[in-house]
Amino acid sequence: MDLSVFPSRTDTYGNVVQEALASGVPCIVTAAGGPKFLVKDGETGFIARDNAEFLEAVVRVVANRELHARLSEAARKQALTLSWDRVFEEVYDVYRYALTPPPLFRTAS
């Protein structure tokens, strides 16, 4: 596969996007839903804000072999930094932050 084109606007995480990146396949995703957090716009693929940008990104990558090669290499490198442990640590950090009560009094600076 040369390019993963994932037009979903409702997917919450995008396992298929992560699998494509792990295979060195650049991804085109929408600016809605979870996959936009997996793709680095212009580095591992493109995040399209509307249908015209989506189509433009697909044509751009398919027509430019050097761009495709650069995106592909970066996609694989990024995927090697991802893990479920890392994902859950980020979720736990958010929970810890949300559960930390605010100070009762602010101190003067």
PDB file of N, CA and C in Angstrom:
ATOM      1  N   MET A   1       0.848  -1.167   0.000  1.00  0.00           N
ATOM      2  CA  MET A   1       0.000   0.000   0.000  1.00  0.00           C
ATOM      3  C   MET A   1       0.897   1.235   0.000  1.00  0.00           C
ATOM      4  N   ASP A   2       0.527   2.216  -0.784  1.00  0.00           N
ATOM      5  CA  ASP A   2       1.302   3.448  -0.873  1.00  0.00           C
ATOM      6  C   ASP A   2       0.789   4.556   0.027  1.00  0.00           C
ATOM      7  N   LEU A   3      -0.522   4.567   0.270  1.00  0.00           N
ATOM      8  CA  LEU A   3      -1.118   5.679   0.997  1.00  0.00           C
ATOM      9  C   LEU A   3      -2.383   5.203   1.691  1.00  0.00           C
ATOM     10  N   SER A   4      -2.538   5.594   2.944  1.00  0.00           N
ATOM     11  CA  SER A   4      -3.767   5.294   3.675  1.00  0.00           C
ATOM     12  C   SER A   4      -4.642   6.542   3.642  1.00  0.00           C
ATOM     13  N   VAL A   5      -5.830   6.391   3.090  1.00  0.00           N
ATOM     14  CA  VAL A   5      -6.774   7.493   2.969  1.00  0.00           C
ATOM     15  C   VAL A   5      -7.927   7.176   3.909  1.00  0.00           C
ATOM     16  N   PHE A   6      -8.036   7.952   4.989  1.00  0.00           N
ATOM     17  CA  PHE A   6      -8.987   7.643   6.065  1.00  0.00           C
ATOM     18  C   PHE A   6      -9.921   8.838   6.268  1.00  0.00           C
ATOM     19  N   PRO A   7     -11.071   8.853   5.565  1.00  0.00           N
ATOM     20  CA  PRO A   7     -11.942  10.024   5.588  1.00  0.00           C
ATOM     21  C   PRO A   7     -12.915  10.108   6.763  1.00  0.00           C
ATOM     22  N   SER A   8     -12.811   9.224   7.738  1.00  0.00           N
ATOM     23  CA  SER A   8     -13.769   9.226   8.848  1.00  0.00           C
ATOM     24  C   SER A   8     -13.723  10.537   9.625  1.00  0.00           C
ATOM     25  N   ARG A   9     -14.894  11.022   9.991  1.00  0.00           N
ATOM     26  CA  ARG A   9     -15.011  12.212  10.834  1.00  0.00           C
ATOM     27  C   ARG A   9     -15.467  11.849  12.243  1.00  0.00           C
ATOM     28  N   THR A  10     -15.681  10.546  12.488  1.00  0.00           N
ATOM     29  CA  THR A  10     -16.229  10.134  13.783  1.00  0.00           C
ATOM     30  C   THR A  10     -15.368   9.117  14.520  1.00  0.00           C
ATOM     31  N   ASP A  11     -14.345   8.589  13.890  1.00  0.00           N
ATOM     32  CA  ASP A  11     -13.511   7.590  14.551  1.00  0.00           C
ATOM     33  C   ASP A  11     -12.841   8.205  15.771  1.00  0.00           C
ATOM     34  N   THR A  12     -12.836   7.481  16.873  1.00  0.00           N
ATOM     35  CA  THR A  12     -12.313   8.058  18.108  1.00  0.00           C
ATOM     36  C   THR A  12     -10.814   7.908  18.276  1.00  0.00           C
ATOM     37  N   TYR A  13     -10.225   6.873  17.704  1.00  0.00           N
ATOM     38  CA  TYR A  13      -8.776   6.715  17.864  1.00  0.00           C
ATOM     39  C   TYR A  13      -8.079   6.490  16.531  1.00  0.00           C
ATOM     40  N   GLY A  14      -8.500   5.545  15.764  1.00  0.00           N
ATOM     41  CA  GLY A  14      -7.874   5.308  14.469  1.00  0.00           C
ATOM     42  C   GLY A  14      -6.795   4.244  14.495  1.00  0.00           C
ATOM     43  N   ASN A  15      -7.131   3.049  15.014  1.00  0.00           N
ATOM     44  CA  ASN A  15      -6.151   1.963  15.029  1.00  0.00           C
ATOM     45  C   ASN A  15      -5.590   1.697  13.636  1.00  0.00           C
ATOM     46  N   VAL A  16      -6.444   1.776  12.629  1.00  0.00           N
ATOM     47  CA  VAL A  16      -5.984   1.513  11.270  1.00  0.00           C
ATOM     48  C   VAL A  16      -4.950   2.551  10.833  1.00  0.00           C
ATOM     49  N   VAL A  17      -5.078   3.772  11.310  1.00  0.00           N
ATOM     50  CA  VAL A  17      -4.098   4.813  11.003  1.00  0.00           C
ATOM     51  C   VAL A  17      -2.771   4.481  11.670  1.00  0.00           C
ATOM     52  N   GLN A  18      -2.825   4.075  12.919  1.00  0.00           N
ATOM     53  CA  GLN A  18      -1.598   3.712  13.624  1.00  0.00           C
ATOM     54  C   GLN A  18      -0.927   2.510  12.949  1.00  0.00           C
ATOM     55  N   GLU A  19      -1.713   1.546  12.502  1.00  0.00           N
ATOM     56  CA  GLU A  19      -1.149   0.381  11.815  1.00  0.00           C
ATOM     57  C   GLU A  19      -0.502   0.788  10.490  1.00  0.00           C
ATOM     58  N   ALA A  20      -1.135   1.708   9.771  1.00  0.00           N
ATOM     59  CA  ALA A  20      -0.548   2.177   8.516  1.00  0.00           C
ATOM     60  C   ALA A  20       0.780   2.874   8.771  1.00  0.00           C
ATOM     61  N   LEU A  21       0.804   3.769   9.763  1.00  0.00           N
ATOM     62  CA  LEU A  21       2.052   4.467  10.098  1.00  0.00           C
ATOM     63  C   LEU A  21       3.148   3.470  10.462  1.00  0.00           C
ATOM     64  N   ALA A  22       2.783   2.438  11.227  1.00  0.00           N
ATOM     65  CA  ALA A  22       3.759   1.424  11.631  1.00  0.00           C
ATOM     66  C   ALA A  22       4.318   0.667  10.431  1.00  0.00           C
ATOM     67  N   SER A  23       3.543   0.622   9.366  1.00  0.00           N
ATOM     68  CA  SER A  23       3.987  -0.039   8.139  1.00  0.00           C
ATOM     69  C   SER A  23       4.706   0.921   7.200  1.00  0.00           C
ATOM     70  N   GLY A  24       4.911   2.153   7.649  1.00  0.00           N
ATOM     71  CA  GLY A  24       5.588   3.137   6.814  1.00  0.00           C
ATOM     72  C   GLY A  24       4.690   3.699   5.729  1.00  0.00           C
ATOM     73  N   VAL A  25       3.394   3.706   5.986  1.00  0.00           N
ATOM     74  CA  VAL A  25       2.435   4.214   5.006  1.00  0.00           C
ATOM     75  C   VAL A  25       1.908   5.569   5.483  1.00  0.00           C
ATOM     76  N   PRO A  26       2.154   6.632   4.731  1.00  0.00           N
ATOM     77  CA  PRO A  26       1.627   7.937   5.106  1.00  0.00           C
ATOM     78  C   PRO A  26       0.097   7.910   5.110  1.00  0.00           C
ATOM     79  N   CYS A  27      -0.511   8.780   5.911  1.00  0.00           N
ATOM     80  CA  CYS A  27      -1.963   8.804   6.048  1.00  0.00           C
ATOM     81  C   CYS A  27      -2.530  10.182   5.758  1.00  0.00           C
ATOM     82  N   ILE A  28      -3.684  10.183   5.114  1.00  0.00           N
ATOM     83  CA  ILE A  28      -4.465  11.394   4.927  1.00  0.00           C
ATOM     84  C   ILE A  28      -5.713  11.207   5.786  1.00  0.00           C
ATOM     85  N   VAL A  29      -5.941  12.107   6.725  1.00  0.00           N
ATOM     86  CA  VAL A  29      -7.087  12.010   7.636  1.00  0.00           C
ATOM     87  C   VAL A  29      -7.825  13.344   7.669  1.00  0.00           C
ATOM     88  N   THR A  30      -9.012  13.323   8.245  1.00  0.00           N
ATOM     89  CA  THR A  30      -9.785  14.552   8.386  1.00  0.00           C
ATOM     90  C   THR A  30      -9.375  15.269   9.665  1.00  0.00           C
ATOM     91  N   ALA A  31      -9.801  16.502   9.777  1.00  0.00           N
ATOM     92  CA  ALA A  31      -9.497  17.309  10.971  1.00  0.00           C
ATOM     93  C   ALA A  31     -10.499  17.038  12.093  1.00  0.00           C
ATOM     94  N   ALA A  32     -11.391  16.088  11.889  1.00  0.00           N
ATOM     95  CA  ALA A  32     -12.372  15.717  12.915  1.00  0.00           C
ATOM     96  C   ALA A  32     -12.066  14.290  13.378  1.00  0.00           C
ATOM     97  N   GLY A  33     -12.321  14.009  14.644  1.00  0.00           N
ATOM     98  CA  GLY A  33     -12.091  12.668  15.158  1.00  0.00           C
ATOM     99  C   GLY A  33     -10.679  12.467  15.662  1.00  0.00           C
ATOM    100  N   GLY A  34     -10.429  11.278  16.165  1.00  0.00           N
ATOM    101  CA  GLY A  34      -9.166  10.970  16.812  1.00  0.00           C
ATOM    102  C   GLY A  34      -7.938  10.817  15.934  1.00  0.00           C
ATOM    103  N   PRO A  35      -8.059  10.320  14.694  1.00  0.00           N
ATOM    104  CA  PRO A  35      -6.860  10.126  13.880  1.00  0.00           C
ATOM    105  C   PRO A  35      -6.019  11.381  13.678  1.00  0.00           C
ATOM    106  N   LYS A  36      -6.622  12.567  13.783  1.00  0.00           N
ATOM    107  CA  LYS A  36      -5.848  13.807  13.598  1.00  0.00           C
ATOM    108  C   LYS A  36      -4.756  13.937  14.661  1.00  0.00           C
ATOM    109  N   PHE A  37      -4.892  13.213  15.771  1.00  0.00           N
ATOM    110  CA  PHE A  37      -3.873  13.267  16.817  1.00  0.00           C
ATOM    111  C   PHE A  37      -2.726  12.302  16.544  1.00  0.00           C
ATOM    112  N   LEU A  38      -2.892  11.419  15.573  1.00  0.00           N
ATOM    113  CA  LEU A  38      -1.847  10.453  15.234  1.00  0.00           C
ATOM    114  C   LEU A  38      -0.969  10.913  14.079  1.00  0.00           C
ATOM    115  N   VAL A  39      -1.532  11.718  13.196  1.00  0.00           N
ATOM    116  CA  VAL A  39      -0.806  12.170  12.007  1.00  0.00           C
ATOM    117  C   VAL A  39      -0.187  13.532  12.284  1.00  0.00           C
ATOM    118  N   LYS A  40       1.080  13.670  11.948  1.00  0.00           N
ATOM    119  CA  LYS A  40       1.747  14.973  12.029  1.00  0.00           C
ATOM    120  C   LYS A  40       1.626  15.602  10.651  1.00  0.00           C
ATOM    121  N   ASP A  41       0.811  16.652  10.578  1.00  0.00           N
ATOM    122  CA  ASP A  41       0.490  17.289   9.307  1.00  0.00           C
ATOM    123  C   ASP A  41       1.745  17.736   8.574  1.00  0.00           C
ATOM    124  N   GLY A  42       1.909  17.217   7.354  1.00  0.00           N
ATOM    125  CA  GLY A  42       3.065  17.570   6.540  1.00  0.00           C
ATOM    126  C   GLY A  42       4.302  16.752   6.841  1.00  0.00           C
ATOM    127  N   GLU A  43       4.271  15.933   7.898  1.00  0.00           N
ATOM    128  CA  GLU A  43       5.428  15.103   8.258  1.00  0.00           C
ATOM    129  C   GLU A  43       5.175  13.621   8.031  1.00  0.00           C
ATOM    130  N   THR A  44       4.032  13.114   8.507  1.00  0.00           N
ATOM    131  CA  THR A  44       3.708  11.687   8.370  1.00  0.00           C
ATOM    132  C   THR A  44       2.470  11.481   7.504  1.00  0.00           C
ATOM    133  N   GLY A  45       1.953  12.565   6.997  1.00  0.00           N
ATOM    134  CA  GLY A  45       0.745  12.543   6.181  1.00  0.00           C
ATOM    135  C   GLY A  45       0.144  13.932   6.208  1.00  0.00           C
ATOM    136  N   PHE A  46      -1.153  14.007   5.985  1.00  0.00           N
ATOM    137  CA  PHE A  46      -1.817  15.304   5.992  1.00  0.00           C
ATOM    138  C   PHE A  46      -3.145  15.226   6.713  1.00  0.00           C
ATOM    139  N   ILE A  47      -3.496  16.332   7.364  1.00  0.00           N
ATOM    140  CA  ILE A  47      -4.785  16.479   8.031  1.00  0.00           C
ATOM    141  C   ILE A  47      -5.584  17.473   7.198  1.00  0.00           C
ATOM    142  N   ALA A  48      -6.666  16.993   6.602  1.00  0.00           N
ATOM    143  CA  ALA A  48      -7.471  17.826   5.710  1.00  0.00           C
ATOM    144  C   ALA A  48      -8.661  18.420   6.450  1.00  0.00           C
ATOM    145  N   ARG A  49      -8.845  19.723   6.277  1.00  0.00           N
ATOM    146  CA  ARG A  49      -9.936  20.422   6.952  1.00  0.00           C
ATOM    147  C   ARG A  49     -11.260  20.371   6.184  1.00  0.00           C
ATOM    148  N   ASP A  50     -11.193  20.019   4.894  1.00  0.00           N
ATOM    149  CA  ASP A  50     -12.425  19.892   4.114  1.00  0.00           C
ATOM    150  C   ASP A  50     -12.160  18.922   2.955  1.00  0.00           C
ATOM    151  N   ASN A  51     -13.204  18.646   2.170  1.00  0.00           N
ATOM    152  CA  ASN A  51     -13.085  17.673   1.080  1.00  0.00           C
ATOM    153  C   ASN A  51     -12.055  18.092   0.036  1.00  0.00           C
ATOM    154  N   ALA A  52     -11.999  19.386  -0.272  1.00  0.00           N
ATOM    155  CA  ALA A  52     -11.040  19.866  -1.271  1.00  0.00           C
ATOM    156  C   ALA A  52      -9.609  19.626  -0.801  1.00  0.00           C
ATOM    157  N   GLU A  53      -9.307  19.936   0.460  1.00  0.00           N
ATOM    158  CA  GLU A  53      -7.960  19.685   1.003  1.00  0.00           C
ATOM    159  C   GLU A  53      -7.651  18.199   1.031  1.00  0.00           C
ATOM    160  N   PHE A  54      -8.659  17.400   1.314  1.00  0.00           N
ATOM    161  CA  PHE A  54      -8.472  15.949   1.357  1.00  0.00           C
ATOM    162  C   PHE A  54      -8.016  15.439  -0.007  1.00  0.00           C
ATOM    163  N   LEU A  55      -8.761  15.800  -1.034  1.00  0.00           N
ATOM    164  CA  LEU A  55      -8.424  15.375  -2.390  1.00  0.00           C
ATOM    165  C   LEU A  55      -7.075  15.934  -2.827  1.00  0.00           C
ATOM    166  N   GLU A  56      -6.819  17.199  -2.509  1.00  0.00           N
ATOM    167  CA  GLU A  56      -5.543  17.839  -2.865  1.00  0.00           C
ATOM    168  C   GLU A  56      -4.360  17.092  -2.230  1.00  0.00           C
ATOM    169  N   ALA A  57      -4.510  16.692  -0.976  1.00  0.00           N
ATOM    170  CA  ALA A  57      -3.429  15.978  -0.283  1.00  0.00           C
ATOM    171  C   ALA A  57      -3.167  14.622  -0.922  1.00  0.00           C
ATOM    172  N   VAL A  58      -4.225  13.912  -1.280  1.00  0.00           N
ATOM    173  CA  VAL A  58      -4.061  12.604  -1.928  1.00  0.00           C
ATOM    174  C   VAL A  58      -3.305  12.759  -3.235  1.00  0.00           C
ATOM    175  N   VAL A  59      -3.747  13.680  -4.070  1.00  0.00           N
ATOM    176  CA  VAL A  59      -3.103  13.898  -5.372  1.00  0.00           C
ATOM    177  C   VAL A  59      -1.652  14.328  -5.182  1.00  0.00           C
ATOM    178  N   ARG A  60      -1.414  15.192  -4.231  1.00  0.00           N
ATOM    179  CA  ARG A  60      -0.050  15.698  -3.977  1.00  0.00           C
ATOM    180  C   ARG A  60       0.913  14.566  -3.622  1.00  0.00           C
ATOM    181  N   VAL A  61       0.487  13.676  -2.733  1.00  0.00           N
ATOM    182  CA  VAL A  61       1.373  12.588  -2.296  1.00  0.00           C
ATOM    183  C   VAL A  61       1.581  11.572  -3.425  1.00  0.00           C
ATOM    184  N   VAL A  62       0.523  11.231  -4.125  1.00  0.00           N
ATOM    185  CA  VAL A  62       0.623  10.250  -5.199  1.00  0.00           C
ATOM    186  C   VAL A  62       1.503  10.772  -6.343  1.00  0.00           C
ATOM    187  N   ALA A  63       1.447  12.068  -6.603  1.00  0.00           N
ATOM    188  CA  ALA A  63       2.194  12.655  -7.721  1.00  0.00           C
ATOM    189  C   ALA A  63       3.652  12.954  -7.400  1.00  0.00           C
ATOM    190  N   ASN A  64       4.029  12.933  -6.121  1.00  0.00           N
ATOM    191  CA  ASN A  64       5.376  13.347  -5.733  1.00  0.00           C
ATOM    192  C   ASN A  64       6.067  12.215  -4.968  1.00  0.00           C
ATOM    193  N   ARG A  65       6.886  11.448  -5.676  1.00  0.00           N
ATOM    194  CA  ARG A  65       7.549  10.278  -5.073  1.00  0.00           C
ATOM    195  C   ARG A  65       8.509  10.674  -3.954  1.00  0.00           C
ATOM    196  N   GLU A  66       9.190  11.809  -4.090  1.00  0.00           N
ATOM    197  CA  GLU A  66      10.107  12.261  -3.034  1.00  0.00           C
ATOM    198  C   GLU A  66       9.332  12.603  -1.764  1.00  0.00           C
ATOM    199  N   LEU A  67       8.215  13.309  -1.908  1.00  0.00           N
ATOM    200  CA  LEU A  67       7.364  13.621  -0.762  1.00  0.00           C
ATOM    201  C   LEU A  67       6.860  12.333  -0.128  1.00  0.00           C
ATOM    202  N   HIS A  68       6.416  11.393  -0.961  1.00  0.00           N
ATOM    203  CA  HIS A  68       5.922  10.115  -0.439  1.00  0.00           C
ATOM    204  C   HIS A  68       7.007   9.410   0.374  1.00  0.00           C
ATOM    205  N   ALA A  69       8.216   9.366  -0.153  1.00  0.00           N
ATOM    206  CA  ALA A  69       9.315   8.689   0.544  1.00  0.00           C
ATOM    207  C   ALA A  69       9.608   9.360   1.883  1.00  0.00           C
ATOM    208  N   ARG A  70       9.609  10.680   1.912  1.00  0.00           N
ATOM    209  CA  ARG A  70       9.869  11.413   3.161  1.00  0.00           C
ATOM    210  C   ARG A  70       8.767  11.150   4.186  1.00  0.00           C
ATOM    211  N   LEU A  71       7.503  11.215   3.752  1.00  0.00           N
ATOM    212  CA  LEU A  71       6.376  10.946   4.654  1.00  0.00           C
ATOM    213  C   LEU A  71       6.415   9.515   5.165  1.00  0.00           C
ATOM    214  N   SER A  72       6.745   8.599   4.283  1.00  0.00           N
ATOM    215  CA  SER A  72       6.788   7.183   4.635  1.00  0.00           C
ATOM    216  C   SER A  72       7.834   6.909   5.713  1.00  0.00           C
ATOM    217  N   GLU A  73       9.011   7.454   5.532  1.00  0.00           N
ATOM    218  CA  GLU A  73      10.085   7.261   6.518  1.00  0.00           C
ATOM    219  C   GLU A  73       9.699   7.870   7.869  1.00  0.00           C
ATOM    220  N   ALA A  74       9.151   9.060   7.842  1.00  0.00           N
ATOM    221  CA  ALA A  74       8.746   9.727   9.085  1.00  0.00           C
ATOM    222  C   ALA A  74       7.598   8.986   9.765  1.00  0.00           C
ATOM    223  N   ALA A  75       6.681   8.426   8.970  1.00  0.00           N
ATOM    224  CA  ALA A  75       5.553   7.676   9.532  1.00  0.00           C
ATOM    225  C   ALA A  75       6.060   6.478  10.337  1.00  0.00           C
ATOM    226  N   ARG A  76       6.982   5.744   9.769  1.00  0.00           N
ATOM    227  CA  ARG A  76       7.534   4.568  10.455  1.00  0.00           C
ATOM    228  C   ARG A  76       8.276   4.976  11.727  1.00  0.00           C
ATOM    229  N   LYS A  77       9.086   6.024  11.641  1.00  0.00           N
ATOM    230  CA  LYS A  77       9.822   6.487  12.826  1.00  0.00           C
ATOM    231  C   LYS A  77       8.870   6.910  13.931  1.00  0.00           C
ATOM    232  N   GLN A  78       7.807   7.633  13.566  1.00  0.00           N
ATOM    233  CA  GLN A  78       6.840   8.060  14.576  1.00  0.00           C
ATOM    234  C   GLN A  78       6.157   6.862  15.222  1.00  0.00           C
ATOM    235  N   ALA A  79       5.761   5.901  14.405  1.00  0.00           N
ATOM    236  CA  ALA A  79       5.055   4.729  14.932  1.00  0.00           C
ATOM    237  C   ALA A  79       5.906   3.961  15.933  1.00  0.00           C
ATOM    238  N   LEU A  80       7.197   3.968  15.741  1.00  0.00           N
ATOM    239  CA  LEU A  80       8.083   3.260  16.678  1.00  0.00           C
ATOM    240  C   LEU A  80       8.104   3.916  18.056  1.00  0.00           C
ATOM    241  N   THR A  81       7.649   5.149  18.147  1.00  0.00           N
ATOM    242  CA  THR A  81       7.613   5.837  19.450  1.00  0.00           C
ATOM    243  C   THR A  81       6.290   5.621  20.176  1.00  0.00           C
ATOM    244  N   LEU A  82       5.299   5.034  19.489  1.00  0.00           N
ATOM    245  CA  LEU A  82       3.970   4.848  20.072  1.00  0.00           C
ATOM    246  C   LEU A  82       3.853   3.487  20.750  1.00  0.00           C
ATOM    247  N   SER A  83       3.115   3.461  21.833  1.00  0.00           N
ATOM    248  CA  SER A  83       2.804   2.190  22.488  1.00  0.00           C
ATOM    249  C   SER A  83       1.530   2.382  23.289  1.00  0.00           C
ATOM    250  N   TRP A  84       0.855   1.286  23.605  1.00  0.00           N
ATOM    251  CA  TRP A  84      -0.343   1.383  24.437  1.00  0.00           C
ATOM    252  C   TRP A  84       0.013   1.891  25.823  1.00  0.00           C
ATOM    253  N   ASP A  85       1.176   1.504  26.333  1.00  0.00           N
ATOM    254  CA  ASP A  85       1.593   2.010  27.642  1.00  0.00           C
ATOM    255  C   ASP A  85       1.681   3.531  27.620  1.00  0.00           C
ATOM    256  N   ARG A  86       2.261   4.084  26.569  1.00  0.00           N
ATOM    257  CA  ARG A  86       2.385   5.537  26.441  1.00  0.00           C
ATOM    258  C   ARG A  86       1.013   6.196  26.330  1.00  0.00           C
ATOM    259  N   VAL A  87       0.130   5.603  25.544  1.00  0.00           N
ATOM    260  CA  VAL A  87      -1.224   6.149  25.394  1.00  0.00           C
ATOM    261  C   VAL A  87      -1.922   6.191  26.743  1.00  0.00           C
ATOM    262  N   PHE A  88      -1.852   5.089  27.492  1.00  0.00           N
ATOM    263  CA  PHE A  88      -2.538   5.050  28.781  1.00  0.00           C
ATOM    264  C   PHE A  88      -1.891   5.969  29.806  1.00  0.00           C
ATOM    265  N   GLU A  89      -0.585   6.156  29.750  1.00  0.00           N
ATOM    266  CA  GLU A  89       0.060   7.099  30.670  1.00  0.00           C
ATOM    267  C   GLU A  89      -0.460   8.515  30.434  1.00  0.00           C
ATOM    268  N   GLU A  90      -0.664   8.869  29.171  1.00  0.00           N
ATOM    269  CA  GLU A  90      -1.220  10.188  28.871  1.00  0.00           C
ATOM    270  C   GLU A  90      -2.648  10.312  29.399  1.00  0.00           C
ATOM    271  N   VAL A  91      -3.430   9.244  29.272  1.00  0.00           N
ATOM    272  CA  VAL A  91      -4.796   9.252  29.809  1.00  0.00           C
ATOM    273  C   VAL A  91      -4.747   9.392  31.327  1.00  0.00           C
ATOM    274  N   TYR A  92      -3.870   8.635  31.968  1.00  0.00           N
ATOM    275  CA  TYR A  92      -3.751   8.707  33.435  1.00  0.00           C
ATOM    276  C   TYR A  92      -3.313  10.104  33.882  1.00  0.00           C
ATOM    277  N   ASP A  93      -2.428  10.736  33.126  1.00  0.00           N
ATOM    278  CA  ASP A  93      -2.005  12.103  33.459  1.00  0.00           C
ATOM    279  C   ASP A  93      -3.195  13.065  33.440  1.00  0.00           C
ATOM    280  N   VAL A  94      -4.055  12.907  32.456  1.00  0.00           N
ATOM    281  CA  VAL A  94      -5.246  13.758  32.382  1.00  0.00           C
ATOM    282  C   VAL A  94      -6.155  13.500  33.577  1.00  0.00           C
ATOM    283  N   TYR A  95      -6.344  12.233  33.927  1.00  0.00           N
ATOM    284  CA  TYR A  95      -7.167  11.901  35.103  1.00  0.00           C
ATOM    285  C   TYR A  95      -6.569  12.509  36.372  1.00  0.00           C
ATOM    286  N   ARG A  96      -5.253  12.371  36.525  1.00  0.00           N
ATOM    287  CA  ARG A  96      -4.610  12.931  37.719  1.00  0.00           C
ATOM    288  C   ARG A  96      -4.824  14.436  37.792  1.00  0.00           C
ATOM    289  N   TYR A  97      -4.679  15.090  36.661  1.00  0.00           N
ATOM    290  CA  TYR A  97      -4.885  16.535  36.615  1.00  0.00           C
ATOM    291  C   TYR A  97      -6.336  16.883  36.972  1.00  0.00           C
ATOM    292  N   ALA A  98      -7.279  16.142  36.392  1.00  0.00           N
ATOM    293  CA  ALA A  98      -8.698  16.426  36.625  1.00  0.00           C
ATOM    294  C   ALA A  98      -9.105  16.168  38.066  1.00  0.00           C
ATOM    295  N   LEU A  99      -8.441  15.225  38.716  1.00  0.00           N
ATOM    296  CA  LEU A  99      -8.797  14.868  40.093  1.00  0.00           C
ATOM    297  C   LEU A  99      -8.044  15.676  41.144  1.00  0.00           C
ATOM    298  N   THR A 100      -7.115  16.516  40.717  1.00  0.00           N
ATOM    299  CA  THR A 100      -6.367  17.341  41.658  1.00  0.00           C
ATOM    300  C   THR A 100      -7.201  18.575  41.990  1.00  0.00           C
ATOM    301  N   PRO A 101      -7.574  18.723  43.263  1.00  0.00           N
ATOM    302  CA  PRO A 101      -8.402  19.875  43.607  1.00  0.00           C
ATOM    303  C   PRO A 101      -7.614  21.179  43.463  1.00  0.00           C
ATOM    304  N   PRO A 102      -8.302  22.231  43.066  1.00  0.00           N
ATOM    305  CA  PRO A 102      -7.626  23.524  42.956  1.00  0.00           C
ATOM    306  C   PRO A 102      -7.285  24.044  44.354  1.00  0.00           C
ATOM    307  N   PRO A 103      -6.277  24.887  44.466  1.00  0.00           N
ATOM    308  CA  PRO A 103      -5.940  25.436  45.786  1.00  0.00           C
ATOM    309  C   PRO A 103      -7.083  26.299  46.306  1.00  0.00           C
ATOM    310  N   LEU A 104      -7.274  26.278  47.630  1.00  0.00           N
ATOM    311  CA  LEU A 104      -8.338  27.079  48.236  1.00  0.00           C
ATOM    312  C   LEU A 104      -8.046  28.557  48.163  1.00  0.00           C
ATOM    313  N   PHE A 105      -6.769  28.893  48.314  1.00  0.00           N
ATOM    314  CA  PHE A 105      -6.366  30.298  48.299  1.00  0.00           C
ATOM    315  C   PHE A 105      -5.207  30.454  47.320  1.00  0.00           C
ATOM    316  N   ARG A 106      -5.213  31.532  46.620  1.00  0.00           N
ATOM    317  CA  ARG A 106      -4.090  31.839  45.745  1.00  0.00           C
ATOM    318  C   ARG A 106      -3.071  32.618  46.533  1.00  0.00           C
ATOM    319  N   THR A 107      -1.824  32.319  46.294  1.00  0.00           N
ATOM    320  CA  THR A 107      -0.767  33.063  46.974  1.00  0.00           C
ATOM    321  C   THR A 107      -0.347  34.250  46.128  1.00  0.00           C
ATOM    322  N   ALA A 108       0.010  35.315  46.784  1.00  0.00           N
ATOM    323  CA  ALA A 108       0.462  36.507  46.064  1.00  0.00           C
ATOM    324  C   ALA A 108       1.862  36.260  45.505  1.00  0.00           C
ATOM    325  N   SER A 109       2.098  36.765  44.328  1.00  0.00           N
ATOM    326  CA  SER A 109       3.420  36.578  43.709  1.00  0.00           C
ATOM    327  C   SER A 109       4.380  37.652  44.156  1.00  0.00           C
TER     328      SER A 109
END
